[in-house]
Amino acid sequence: MPVRYVSVEDAIRRGGLRMVVVGDVPSPWGEAAKGILHIKGIDWVAVRLAYDSEPLKEWAGQRSGPVAVHEDERPRDGWAEILLLAERLAPTPSLLPADAAERALAFGLAHEICGENGLGWARRLQLAHAGLQNAGGFPVRVSQYLAKKYGYHGPATGVAASVRVAELLDMLAARLKTQHQAGSRYYVGDALTAVDIYSATFMALFAPLPAEHCAMAAATRAAFATRDAQTEAALDPILLAHRDRTYATHLELPLSL
């Protein structure tokens, strides 16, 4: 089912689970959270992030997304916090392995995709750097905003971000290849975990889904598709094949932005 969007006022007023999401852009953190809720069958409503809404900022505690608020509990904005909330609200199907070692592996891989200095973080720095250097990437205004938010300190930061992106893409591709050799199509064990969802949604930062599955502004699509030679070499086809299979088998299309 398409995501149900409500107004800021309605979101604040109603109970249940509500989540602030970035509108009109396939933000991978938000799309991953949507996917987790979809797979678990959790009832929820979305409210698009409005940067100029003071009531939304006061309620959610920030001007960002995704932020999940369940009933009158505190807002949860971290990828792990949102995942663990979903696991509590709907323990089955679990998106974390039962085995303790495999659970730790899943959290480690997820952090390398979603966390600070992870794939999404480094990729945003990389695209901000490209925008500031007039070499594709985000528009200058967006690049300046992201540069401040993610700790950009000049061209050396952009170079380091590109190295980090390539390292992480190589690591993820190697993990999938090892799993394939063991007879599994998933990152951890033999079943879908949150890691598969994160990997699938974060590929939007390198190769957005086709327009019929993801309607987005042409300029944004072009920015996301900016890839230097190092990134191009590291973007192994196995990562995009995994993305396509995960969407076809487990997630909803088209995206509800």
Protein backbone atom coordinates (compact mmCIF):
# COMPACT_ATOMS: atom_id res chain seq x y z
CA MET A 1 0.00 0.00 0.00
CA PRO A 2 1.18 3.56 -0.65
CA VAL A 3 2.39 5.46 2.38
CA ARG A 4 -0.34 7.54 4.05
CA TYR A 5 0.70 11.16 4.53
CA VAL A 6 -0.95 13.47 7.04
CA SER A 7 -0.50 17.11 8.01
CA VAL A 8 1.83 18.22 10.76
CA GLU A 9 -1.14 19.07 12.96
CA ASP A 10 -2.77 15.67 12.42
CA ALA A 11 0.48 13.83 13.09
CA ILE A 12 0.96 15.63 16.40
CA ARG A 13 -2.66 15.14 17.42
CA ARG A 14 -3.11 11.45 16.64
CA GLY A 15 -1.73 8.42 18.48
CA GLY A 16 -0.01 5.33 17.18
CA LEU A 17 3.15 5.46 15.13
CA ARG A 18 3.99 8.53 13.09
CA MET A 19 7.21 9.21 11.21
CA VAL A 20 8.67 12.40 9.80
CA VAL A 21 10.20 11.73 6.39
CA VAL A 22 11.97 13.83 3.79
CA GLY A 23 9.57 14.43 0.90
CA ASP A 24 10.17 14.13 -2.85
CA VAL A 25 13.64 12.59 -2.43
CA PRO A 26 14.50 8.90 -1.88
CA SER A 27 16.46 9.58 1.30
CA PRO A 28 17.93 6.13 2.04
CA TRP A 29 17.50 6.38 5.81
CA GLY A 30 13.82 7.18 5.36
CA GLU A 31 13.21 4.61 2.64
CA ALA A 32 14.86 1.94 4.80
CA ALA A 33 12.61 2.84 7.74
CA LYS A 34 9.55 2.68 5.46
CA GLY A 35 10.68 -0.71 4.20
CA ILE A 36 11.13 -2.07 7.72
CA LEU A 37 7.62 -0.97 8.71
CA HIS A 38 6.17 -2.43 5.50
CA ILE A 39 7.79 -5.83 5.98
CA LYS A 40 6.60 -5.97 9.59
CA GLY A 41 3.08 -4.87 8.70
CA ILE A 42 3.13 -2.04 11.25
CA ASP A 43 0.39 0.54 10.86
CA TRP A 44 1.77 4.05 10.67
CA VAL A 45 1.36 7.43 9.00
CA ALA A 46 3.94 9.78 7.54
CA VAL A 47 4.38 13.52 7.73
CA ARG A 48 6.68 15.25 5.28
CA LEU A 49 9.50 17.25 6.81
CA ALA A 50 8.69 20.97 6.76
CA TYR A 51 11.82 22.92 7.59
CA ASP A 52 9.83 26.05 8.44
CA SER A 53 7.37 24.34 10.83
CA GLU A 54 8.12 25.25 14.44
CA PRO A 55 5.42 22.87 15.80
CA LEU A 56 7.02 20.00 13.88
CA LYS A 57 10.49 20.87 15.18
CA GLU A 58 9.22 21.09 18.76
CA TRP A 59 7.36 17.76 18.47
CA ALA A 60 10.10 15.82 16.64
CA GLY A 61 12.97 17.57 18.41
CA GLN A 62 14.79 18.50 15.20
CA ARG A 63 14.50 19.53 11.56
CA SER A 64 15.44 16.23 9.99
CA GLY A 65 14.04 12.88 8.98
CA PRO A 66 13.31 10.13 9.53
CA VAL A 67 12.05 10.64 13.06
CA ALA A 68 9.65 8.04 14.47
CA VAL A 69 7.26 8.86 17.30
CA HIS A 70 5.18 6.10 18.88
CA GLU A 71 2.29 7.24 21.07
CA ASP A 72 3.73 9.64 23.65
CA GLU A 73 7.20 8.09 23.70
CA ARG A 74 10.34 10.11 22.93
CA PRO A 75 11.18 10.73 19.26
CA ARG A 76 13.60 8.24 17.73
CA ASP A 77 15.81 9.49 14.91
CA GLY A 78 18.75 7.06 14.71
CA TRP A 79 18.62 4.16 12.27
CA ALA A 80 19.22 1.64 15.07
CA GLU A 81 16.64 3.25 17.35
CA ILE A 82 13.98 3.07 14.63
CA LEU A 83 14.88 -0.53 13.84
CA LEU A 84 14.70 -1.57 17.50
CA LEU A 85 11.38 0.23 17.93
CA ALA A 86 9.99 -1.70 14.96
CA GLU A 87 11.36 -4.95 16.39
CA ARG A 88 9.54 -4.23 19.66
CA LEU A 89 6.25 -3.28 18.00
CA ALA A 90 6.28 -6.33 15.70
CA PRO A 91 8.76 -9.00 16.80
CA THR A 92 7.76 -11.20 13.84
CA PRO A 93 9.15 -11.25 11.25
CA SER A 94 12.38 -10.29 12.93
CA LEU A 95 14.90 -8.37 10.86
CA LEU A 96 17.73 -9.22 13.24
CA PRO A 97 19.27 -12.69 13.56
CA ALA A 98 18.50 -14.72 16.68
CA ASP A 99 22.10 -15.90 16.96
CA ALA A 100 24.12 -13.44 19.04
CA ALA A 101 27.20 -13.47 16.81
CA GLU A 102 25.15 -13.03 13.64
CA ARG A 103 23.16 -10.24 15.33
CA ALA A 104 26.41 -8.44 16.14
CA LEU A 105 27.54 -8.91 12.53
CA ALA A 106 24.24 -7.47 11.28
CA PHE A 107 24.57 -4.40 13.49
CA GLY A 108 28.18 -3.93 12.37
CA LEU A 109 27.31 -4.09 8.69
CA ALA A 110 24.31 -1.82 9.21
CA HIS A 111 26.48 0.76 10.97
CA GLU A 112 28.95 0.73 8.09
CA ILE A 113 26.04 1.59 5.77
CA CYS A 114 23.93 3.93 7.92
CA GLY A 115 26.11 5.24 10.73
CA GLU A 116 28.54 8.09 11.19
CA ASN A 117 31.34 7.85 8.62
CA GLY A 118 29.41 5.01 6.99
CA LEU A 119 28.45 4.67 3.36
CA GLY A 120 25.62 7.19 3.40
CA TRP A 121 27.64 9.70 5.42
CA ALA A 122 30.71 9.45 3.18
CA ARG A 123 28.63 9.52 0.01
CA ARG A 124 26.92 12.74 1.09
CA LEU A 125 30.31 14.30 1.75
CA GLN A 126 31.49 13.08 -1.64
CA LEU A 127 28.50 14.60 -3.44
CA ALA A 128 28.78 17.84 -1.47
CA HIS A 129 32.44 18.06 -2.45
CA ALA A 130 31.55 17.50 -6.11
CA GLY A 131 28.94 20.25 -5.91
CA LEU A 132 31.36 22.72 -4.36
CA GLN A 133 33.92 21.89 -7.04
CA ASN A 134 31.35 22.30 -9.84
CA ALA A 135 31.85 18.65 -10.77
CA GLY A 136 28.29 17.37 -10.50
CA GLY A 137 26.88 16.28 -7.18
CA PHE A 138 24.49 18.43 -5.20
CA PRO A 139 23.69 22.07 -6.06
CA VAL A 140 25.95 24.56 -4.31
CA ARG A 141 23.35 25.60 -1.72
CA VAL A 142 22.62 22.00 -0.77
CA SER A 143 26.33 21.18 -0.80
CA GLN A 144 27.08 24.03 1.59
CA TYR A 145 24.36 22.83 3.98
CA LEU A 146 25.56 19.22 3.90
CA ALA A 147 29.21 20.25 4.17
CA LYS A 148 28.47 21.94 7.49
CA LYS A 149 26.26 19.10 8.72
CA TYR A 150 28.66 16.27 7.86
CA GLY A 151 31.98 17.89 8.70
CA TYR A 152 33.43 19.00 5.38
CA HIS A 153 36.72 20.87 5.85
CA GLY A 154 37.93 21.35 2.32
CA PRO A 155 39.00 19.29 -0.69
CA ALA A 156 40.96 16.82 1.42
CA THR A 157 37.68 15.82 3.10
CA GLY A 158 36.17 15.12 -0.30
CA VAL A 159 39.11 12.98 -1.34
CA ALA A 160 38.95 11.01 1.91
CA ALA A 161 35.21 10.54 1.45
CA SER A 162 35.75 9.04 -2.00
CA VAL A 163 38.28 6.60 -0.59
CA ARG A 164 35.89 5.64 2.20
CA VAL A 165 33.00 5.14 -0.23
CA ALA A 166 35.09 2.83 -2.41
CA GLU A 167 36.29 0.84 0.61
CA LEU A 168 32.75 0.29 1.84
CA LEU A 169 31.36 -0.63 -1.58
CA ASP A 170 34.20 -3.14 -1.98
CA MET A 171 33.49 -4.60 1.47
CA LEU A 172 29.76 -4.97 0.83
CA ALA A 173 30.30 -6.56 -2.58
CA ALA A 174 32.83 -9.00 -1.10
CA ARG A 175 30.37 -9.92 1.63
CA LEU A 176 27.64 -10.70 -0.89
CA LYS A 177 30.01 -12.77 -3.01
CA THR A 178 31.04 -14.80 0.03
CA GLN A 179 27.39 -15.35 0.88
CA HIS A 180 26.60 -16.39 -2.69
CA GLN A 181 29.38 -18.97 -2.54
CA ALA A 182 27.79 -20.30 0.66
CA GLY A 183 24.41 -20.56 -1.05
CA SER A 184 22.74 -17.44 0.40
CA ARG A 185 21.43 -14.33 -1.36
CA TYR A 186 21.42 -12.33 1.88
CA TYR A 187 24.11 -10.45 3.80
CA VAL A 188 23.74 -12.42 7.04
CA GLY A 189 22.61 -16.02 7.32
CA ASP A 190 19.96 -17.44 5.02
CA ALA A 191 17.15 -14.92 5.54
CA LEU A 192 16.35 -11.27 5.05
CA THR A 193 17.73 -8.91 7.70
CA ALA A 194 17.74 -5.15 8.09
CA VAL A 195 21.17 -5.13 6.43
CA ASP A 196 19.60 -6.18 3.12
CA ILE A 197 17.09 -3.34 3.38
CA TYR A 198 19.76 -0.76 4.18
CA SER A 199 21.98 -1.91 1.33
CA ALA A 200 19.09 -1.83 -1.14
CA THR A 201 17.87 1.64 -0.19
CA PHE A 202 21.33 3.21 0.04
CA MET A 203 22.09 2.22 -3.56
CA ALA A 204 19.81 5.16 -4.49
CA LEU A 205 22.76 7.41 -3.66
CA PHE A 206 24.70 5.82 -6.55
CA ALA A 207 22.11 4.58 -9.05
CA PRO A 208 18.54 5.76 -8.45
CA LEU A 209 15.68 3.42 -9.30
CA PRO A 210 14.10 4.05 -12.72
CA ALA A 211 11.53 6.84 -13.00
CA GLU A 212 8.54 4.47 -13.05
CA HIS A 213 9.60 3.22 -9.63
CA CYS A 214 10.95 6.46 -8.19
CA ALA A 215 9.62 9.81 -9.37
CA MET A 216 12.17 12.49 -8.53
CA ALA A 217 13.41 15.76 -9.96
CA ALA A 218 15.81 15.37 -12.86
CA ALA A 219 18.44 17.52 -11.13
CA THR A 220 18.31 15.36 -8.01
CA ARG A 221 18.54 12.18 -10.05
CA ALA A 222 21.58 13.54 -11.87
CA ALA A 223 23.21 14.53 -8.58
CA PHE A 224 22.71 11.07 -7.07
CA ALA A 225 24.13 9.44 -10.19
CA THR A 226 27.41 11.42 -10.03
CA ARG A 227 30.23 8.87 -9.83
CA ASP A 228 33.95 9.44 -10.15
CA ALA A 229 36.20 6.72 -11.59
CA GLN A 230 37.02 5.30 -8.16
CA THR A 231 33.35 4.99 -7.21
CA GLU A 232 32.42 3.60 -10.61
CA ALA A 233 35.01 0.85 -10.25
CA ALA A 234 33.81 -0.05 -6.75
CA LEU A 235 30.09 -0.15 -7.62
CA ASP A 236 30.03 -3.89 -8.32
CA PRO A 237 26.98 -5.14 -10.29
CA ILE A 238 26.26 -7.57 -7.44
CA LEU A 239 25.21 -4.61 -5.27
CA LEU A 240 22.62 -3.39 -7.76
CA ALA A 241 21.42 -6.94 -8.47
CA HIS A 242 20.89 -7.40 -4.73
CA ARG A 243 19.03 -4.06 -4.63
CA ASP A 244 16.71 -5.10 -7.47
CA ARG A 245 16.02 -8.52 -5.96
CA THR A 246 15.30 -7.05 -2.53
CA TYR A 247 12.79 -4.58 -3.94
CA ALA A 248 11.15 -7.20 -6.15
CA THR A 249 10.84 -9.73 -3.33
CA HIS A 250 10.39 -7.76 -0.12
CA LEU A 251 9.79 -4.02 -0.60
CA GLU A 252 7.11 -1.84 -2.21
CA LEU A 253 7.30 -0.17 -5.60
CA PRO A 254 6.82 2.51 -6.70
CA LEU A 255 8.26 4.52 -3.84
CA SER A 256 5.81 6.81 -2.00
CA LEU A 257 7.77 10.03 -1.73
